[in-house]
N, C-alpha and C. Protein backbone atom coordinates (compact mmCIF):
# COMPACT_ATOMS: atom_id res chain seq x y z
N MET A 1 97.58 102.73 103.99
CA MET A 1 97.56 102.16 105.31
C MET A 1 96.94 103.14 106.31
N ALA A 2 97.24 104.42 106.20
CA ALA A 2 96.68 105.40 107.12
C ALA A 2 95.16 105.44 106.99
N ARG A 3 94.67 105.28 105.76
CA ARG A 3 93.22 105.29 105.54
C ARG A 3 92.56 104.11 106.25
N LYS A 4 93.17 102.94 106.19
CA LYS A 4 92.63 101.75 106.85
C LYS A 4 92.56 101.98 108.35
N LYS A 5 93.61 102.57 108.94
CA LYS A 5 93.62 102.85 110.36
C LYS A 5 92.53 103.85 110.71
N GLU A 6 92.35 104.84 109.85
CA GLU A 6 91.32 105.86 110.05
C GLU A 6 89.93 105.22 110.03
N GLU A 7 89.70 104.30 109.08
CA GLU A 7 88.42 103.61 108.99
C GLU A 7 88.17 102.76 110.22
N ASN A 8 89.22 102.04 110.68
CA ASN A 8 89.08 101.21 111.88
C ASN A 8 88.74 102.07 113.09
N SER A 9 89.41 103.21 113.22
CA SER A 9 89.15 104.11 114.33
C SER A 9 87.70 104.56 114.32
N LYS A 10 87.20 104.86 113.13
CA LYS A 10 85.81 105.28 112.99
C LYS A 10 84.86 104.16 113.39
N ASP A 11 85.20 102.93 113.00
CA ASP A 11 84.38 101.77 113.37
C ASP A 11 84.31 101.61 114.89
N TYR A 12 85.45 101.78 115.56
CA TYR A 12 85.48 101.64 117.02
C TYR A 12 84.66 102.75 117.68
N GLU A 13 84.74 103.95 117.14
CA GLU A 13 83.96 105.06 117.70
C GLU A 13 82.46 104.80 117.50
N GLU A 14 82.10 104.27 116.34
CA GLU A 14 80.70 103.95 116.08
C GLU A 14 80.21 102.86 117.03
N LEU A 15 81.04 101.85 117.26
CA LEU A 15 80.71 100.78 118.19
C LEU A 15 80.49 101.36 119.59
N LYS A 16 81.41 102.19 120.02
CA LYS A 16 81.32 102.80 121.34
C LYS A 16 80.05 103.63 121.48
N GLU A 17 79.75 104.41 120.45
CA GLU A 17 78.56 105.26 120.49
C GLU A 17 77.28 104.44 120.51
N GLU A 18 77.26 103.37 119.74
CA GLU A 18 76.07 102.51 119.72
C GLU A 18 75.82 101.86 121.08
N LEU A 19 76.90 101.37 121.69
CA LEU A 19 76.76 100.76 123.01
C LEU A 19 76.38 101.81 124.06
N LYS A 20 76.95 103.00 123.93
CA LYS A 20 76.62 104.08 124.86
C LYS A 20 75.14 104.41 124.77
N GLN A 21 74.61 104.47 123.56
CA GLN A 21 73.19 104.78 123.39
C GLN A 21 72.31 103.71 124.04
N GLN A 22 72.74 102.45 123.95
CA GLN A 22 71.99 101.39 124.61
C GLN A 22 71.99 101.58 126.13
N LEU A 23 73.14 101.99 126.67
CA LEU A 23 73.23 102.24 128.11
C LEU A 23 72.37 103.43 128.52
N VAL A 24 72.40 104.48 127.71
CA VAL A 24 71.58 105.66 128.00
C VAL A 24 70.11 105.29 127.96
N THR A 25 69.71 104.52 126.95
CA THR A 25 68.32 104.09 126.81
C THR A 25 67.88 103.28 128.02
N ASN A 26 68.81 102.46 128.55
CA ASN A 26 68.50 101.63 129.72
C ASN A 26 68.72 102.39 131.03
N ASN A 27 68.99 103.69 130.92
CA ASN A 27 69.25 104.54 132.09
C ASN A 27 70.37 103.95 132.94
N ASN A 28 71.44 103.52 132.27
CA ASN A 28 72.54 102.84 132.94
C ASN A 28 73.90 103.40 132.49
N TYR A 29 73.96 104.68 132.18
CA TYR A 29 75.23 105.26 131.75
C TYR A 29 75.77 106.13 132.87
N ASN A 30 76.92 105.72 133.43
CA ASN A 30 77.56 106.46 134.51
C ASN A 30 79.07 106.24 134.43
N LYS A 31 79.81 106.71 135.41
CA LYS A 31 81.28 106.59 135.37
C LYS A 31 81.74 105.15 135.28
N VAL A 32 81.10 104.29 136.04
CA VAL A 32 81.50 102.88 136.06
C VAL A 32 81.22 102.22 134.72
N THR A 33 80.02 102.41 134.17
CA THR A 33 79.69 101.78 132.90
C THR A 33 80.49 102.41 131.75
N LYS A 34 80.85 103.70 131.88
CA LYS A 34 81.70 104.34 130.86
C LYS A 34 83.07 103.67 130.83
N GLU A 35 83.62 103.39 132.01
CA GLU A 35 84.92 102.73 132.09
C GLU A 35 84.85 101.32 131.48
N LEU A 36 83.77 100.59 131.80
CA LEU A 36 83.59 99.27 131.22
C LEU A 36 83.45 99.33 129.70
N LEU A 37 82.74 100.34 129.24
CA LEU A 37 82.56 100.54 127.80
C LEU A 37 83.90 100.80 127.13
N ASP A 38 84.73 101.64 127.74
CA ASP A 38 86.06 101.92 127.20
C ASP A 38 86.90 100.64 127.13
N LYS A 39 86.82 99.81 128.18
CA LYS A 39 87.55 98.54 128.18
C LYS A 39 87.05 97.62 127.08
N TYR A 40 85.73 97.60 126.89
CA TYR A 40 85.16 96.75 125.85
C TYR A 40 85.71 97.13 124.47
N VAL A 41 85.78 98.42 124.21
CA VAL A 41 86.29 98.89 122.91
C VAL A 41 87.78 98.54 122.78
N LYS A 42 88.55 98.69 123.86
CA LYS A 42 89.97 98.33 123.81
C LYS A 42 90.15 96.83 123.56
N TYR A 43 89.33 96.03 124.25
CA TYR A 43 89.39 94.58 124.01
C TYR A 43 89.02 94.25 122.57
N THR A 44 88.09 94.98 121.99
CA THR A 44 87.72 94.77 120.60
C THR A 44 88.90 95.07 119.69
N MET A 45 89.63 96.13 119.98
CA MET A 45 90.82 96.48 119.19
C MET A 45 91.87 95.37 119.29
N ILE A 46 92.08 94.87 120.51
CA ILE A 46 93.06 93.80 120.72
C ILE A 46 92.63 92.54 119.98
N GLU A 47 91.34 92.20 120.09
CA GLU A 47 90.83 91.01 119.41
C GLU A 47 91.02 91.13 117.90
N ASP A 48 90.78 92.31 117.35
CA ASP A 48 90.96 92.50 115.91
C ASP A 48 92.41 92.28 115.50
N LYS A 49 93.36 92.74 116.32
CA LYS A 49 94.79 92.52 116.03
C LYS A 49 95.15 91.04 116.10
N LEU A 50 94.59 90.35 117.08
CA LEU A 50 94.85 88.91 117.20
C LEU A 50 94.30 88.15 116.00
N ILE A 51 93.11 88.51 115.58
CA ILE A 51 92.50 87.86 114.41
C ILE A 51 93.31 88.15 113.15
N LYS A 52 93.81 89.38 113.03
CA LYS A 52 94.65 89.73 111.88
C LYS A 52 95.92 88.88 111.89
N ASP A 53 96.50 88.67 113.07
CA ASP A 53 97.70 87.84 113.18
C ASP A 53 97.40 86.41 112.73
N ILE A 54 96.25 85.89 113.14
CA ILE A 54 95.86 84.53 112.72
C ILE A 54 95.67 84.50 111.21
N ASP A 55 95.03 85.53 110.65
CA ASP A 55 94.84 85.59 109.20
C ASP A 55 96.18 85.69 108.48
N ASP A 56 97.10 86.48 109.01
CA ASP A 56 98.40 86.70 108.36
C ASP A 56 99.32 85.49 108.48
N ARG A 57 99.43 84.92 109.68
CA ARG A 57 100.40 83.85 109.91
C ARG A 57 99.81 82.45 109.90
N GLY A 58 98.49 82.37 110.04
CA GLY A 58 97.85 81.06 110.02
C GLY A 58 97.66 80.49 111.41
N VAL A 59 97.05 79.31 111.44
CA VAL A 59 96.74 78.64 112.70
C VAL A 59 98.01 78.07 113.33
N ASN A 60 98.88 77.56 112.51
CA ASN A 60 100.16 77.02 112.97
C ASN A 60 101.29 77.92 112.48
N VAL A 61 102.27 78.16 113.36
CA VAL A 61 103.39 79.03 113.00
C VAL A 61 104.70 78.28 113.23
N GLU A 62 105.67 78.60 112.40
CA GLU A 62 106.99 78.01 112.57
C GLU A 62 107.76 78.78 113.62
N TRP A 63 108.59 78.08 114.37
CA TRP A 63 109.43 78.74 115.35
C TRP A 63 110.86 78.27 115.16
N ASN A 64 111.79 79.11 115.58
CA ASN A 64 113.21 78.81 115.47
C ASN A 64 113.90 79.52 116.63
N ASN A 65 114.52 78.75 117.53
CA ASN A 65 115.15 79.38 118.69
C ASN A 65 116.56 79.88 118.41
N GLY A 66 117.02 79.73 117.21
CA GLY A 66 118.35 80.22 116.84
C GLY A 66 119.46 79.26 117.21
N GLY A 67 119.16 78.23 117.96
CA GLY A 67 120.17 77.26 118.37
C GLY A 67 120.07 75.97 117.59
N GLY A 68 119.46 76.04 116.43
CA GLY A 68 119.32 74.86 115.60
C GLY A 68 118.02 74.12 115.80
N GLN A 69 117.26 74.52 116.80
CA GLN A 69 115.97 73.88 117.03
C GLN A 69 114.89 74.71 116.33
N LYS A 70 114.02 73.98 115.66
CA LYS A 70 112.89 74.65 115.02
C LYS A 70 111.75 73.67 114.91
N GLY A 71 110.59 74.22 114.64
CA GLY A 71 109.42 73.37 114.53
C GLY A 71 108.19 74.19 114.21
N VAL A 72 107.04 73.58 114.43
CA VAL A 72 105.76 74.23 114.18
C VAL A 72 104.95 74.14 115.46
N LYS A 73 104.28 75.24 115.80
CA LYS A 73 103.41 75.25 116.98
C LYS A 73 102.14 76.00 116.64
N ARG A 74 101.15 75.85 117.50
CA ARG A 74 99.89 76.56 117.32
C ARG A 74 100.13 78.04 117.58
N ASN A 75 99.49 78.87 116.77
CA ASN A 75 99.60 80.32 116.91
C ASN A 75 98.99 80.73 118.25
N ASP A 76 99.78 81.39 119.10
CA ASP A 76 99.31 81.80 120.43
C ASP A 76 98.14 82.77 120.36
N SER A 77 97.98 83.44 119.24
CA SER A 77 96.88 84.40 119.09
C SER A 77 95.52 83.73 119.15
N ILE A 78 95.46 82.43 118.85
CA ILE A 78 94.18 81.72 118.91
C ILE A 78 93.67 81.65 120.35
N ALA A 79 94.52 81.19 121.25
CA ALA A 79 94.12 81.10 122.66
C ALA A 79 93.86 82.48 123.25
N GLU A 80 94.68 83.45 122.88
CA GLU A 80 94.51 84.80 123.41
C GLU A 80 93.22 85.43 122.92
N SER A 81 92.86 85.19 121.66
CA SER A 81 91.63 85.78 121.15
C SER A 81 90.41 85.18 121.84
N THR A 82 90.50 83.92 122.20
CA THR A 82 89.41 83.27 122.93
C THR A 82 89.25 83.90 124.32
N LYS A 83 90.37 84.18 124.98
CA LYS A 83 90.33 84.81 126.30
C LYS A 83 89.78 86.23 126.22
N VAL A 84 90.22 86.97 125.22
CA VAL A 84 89.75 88.35 125.05
C VAL A 84 88.25 88.35 124.76
N ASN A 85 87.80 87.44 123.92
CA ASN A 85 86.38 87.36 123.60
C ASN A 85 85.56 87.04 124.85
N ALA A 86 86.07 86.17 125.70
CA ALA A 86 85.37 85.84 126.95
C ALA A 86 85.24 87.08 127.84
N GLN A 87 86.29 87.89 127.89
CA GLN A 87 86.24 89.12 128.69
C GLN A 87 85.22 90.09 128.11
N LYS A 88 85.15 90.18 126.79
CA LYS A 88 84.18 91.06 126.15
C LYS A 88 82.75 90.64 126.51
N ILE A 89 82.50 89.34 126.50
CA ILE A 89 81.17 88.83 126.84
C ILE A 89 80.83 89.16 128.29
N LYS A 90 81.81 89.03 129.18
CA LYS A 90 81.59 89.36 130.59
C LYS A 90 81.28 90.84 130.76
N ILE A 91 81.97 91.69 130.01
CA ILE A 91 81.72 93.13 130.10
C ILE A 91 80.31 93.45 129.63
N LEU A 92 79.91 92.87 128.49
CA LEU A 92 78.54 93.09 128.01
C LEU A 92 77.52 92.66 129.05
N ASP A 93 77.79 91.54 129.71
CA ASP A 93 76.88 91.04 130.74
C ASP A 93 76.81 92.04 131.91
N LYS A 94 77.96 92.55 132.33
CA LYS A 94 77.99 93.54 133.43
C LYS A 94 77.24 94.81 133.03
N LEU A 95 77.33 95.18 131.76
CA LEU A 95 76.66 96.38 131.27
C LEU A 95 75.17 96.16 131.06
N GLY A 96 74.75 94.89 131.07
CA GLY A 96 73.34 94.58 130.84
C GLY A 96 72.96 94.68 129.38
N ILE A 97 73.95 94.48 128.51
CA ILE A 97 73.72 94.54 127.06
C ILE A 97 73.85 93.13 126.51
N LYS A 98 72.87 92.72 125.72
CA LYS A 98 72.92 91.41 125.09
C LYS A 98 73.57 91.53 123.73
N ALA A 99 74.36 90.53 123.38
CA ALA A 99 74.97 90.49 122.05
C ALA A 99 73.88 90.29 121.02
N PRO A 100 74.06 90.82 119.83
CA PRO A 100 73.05 90.65 118.79
C PRO A 100 72.85 89.18 118.45
N GLU A 101 71.61 88.82 118.17
CA GLU A 101 71.28 87.45 117.76
C GLU A 101 70.89 87.47 116.30
N SER A 102 71.29 86.45 115.58
CA SER A 102 70.97 86.35 114.17
C SER A 102 69.48 86.07 114.01
N LYS A 103 68.86 86.70 113.01
CA LYS A 103 67.43 86.47 112.73
C LYS A 103 67.22 85.11 112.07
N GLY A 104 68.18 84.68 111.30
CA GLY A 104 68.03 83.41 110.61
C GLY A 104 69.38 82.91 110.16
N GLU A 105 69.46 81.64 109.87
CA GLU A 105 70.71 81.06 109.44
C GLU A 105 71.15 81.67 108.12
N GLY A 106 72.38 82.17 108.09
CA GLY A 106 72.91 82.77 106.88
C GLY A 106 72.42 84.19 106.65
N ASP A 107 71.55 84.68 107.51
CA ASP A 107 71.01 86.02 107.39
C ASP A 107 71.94 86.99 108.10
N GLU A 108 72.30 88.08 107.44
CA GLU A 108 73.23 89.02 108.03
C GLU A 108 72.56 90.10 108.85
N ASP A 109 71.24 90.10 108.93
CA ASP A 109 70.53 91.07 109.76
C ASP A 109 70.50 90.57 111.19
N TYR A 110 70.65 91.49 112.12
CA TYR A 110 70.66 91.12 113.54
C TYR A 110 69.62 91.91 114.28
N GLU A 111 69.19 91.36 115.39
CA GLU A 111 68.30 92.08 116.27
C GLU A 111 68.87 91.97 117.68
N VAL A 112 68.60 92.97 118.50
CA VAL A 112 69.13 92.97 119.86
C VAL A 112 68.03 92.60 120.81
């Protein structure tokens, strides 16, 4: 488990460095954009946890209030991940960075 966390941390650092390089290339790296970049990486971490929760518990989750009432409801992580993703897109827009676009359908190569 520690190794997985270490790998994830490395992935986030690589993401941050890649975005930083794009900002430097665009002559747009300063205190304000650094703060936005830090928020983007934090939102990415949060989004990954929400997606893991959806993977682990599913789209619908059972609930039980302890008073004899129970049922099934939609996993709240779905709505939250959508909100977090929207914030990430807004941050990229503020930074002047475009999200990668796919070169072709089913193709895993991206271009910026």
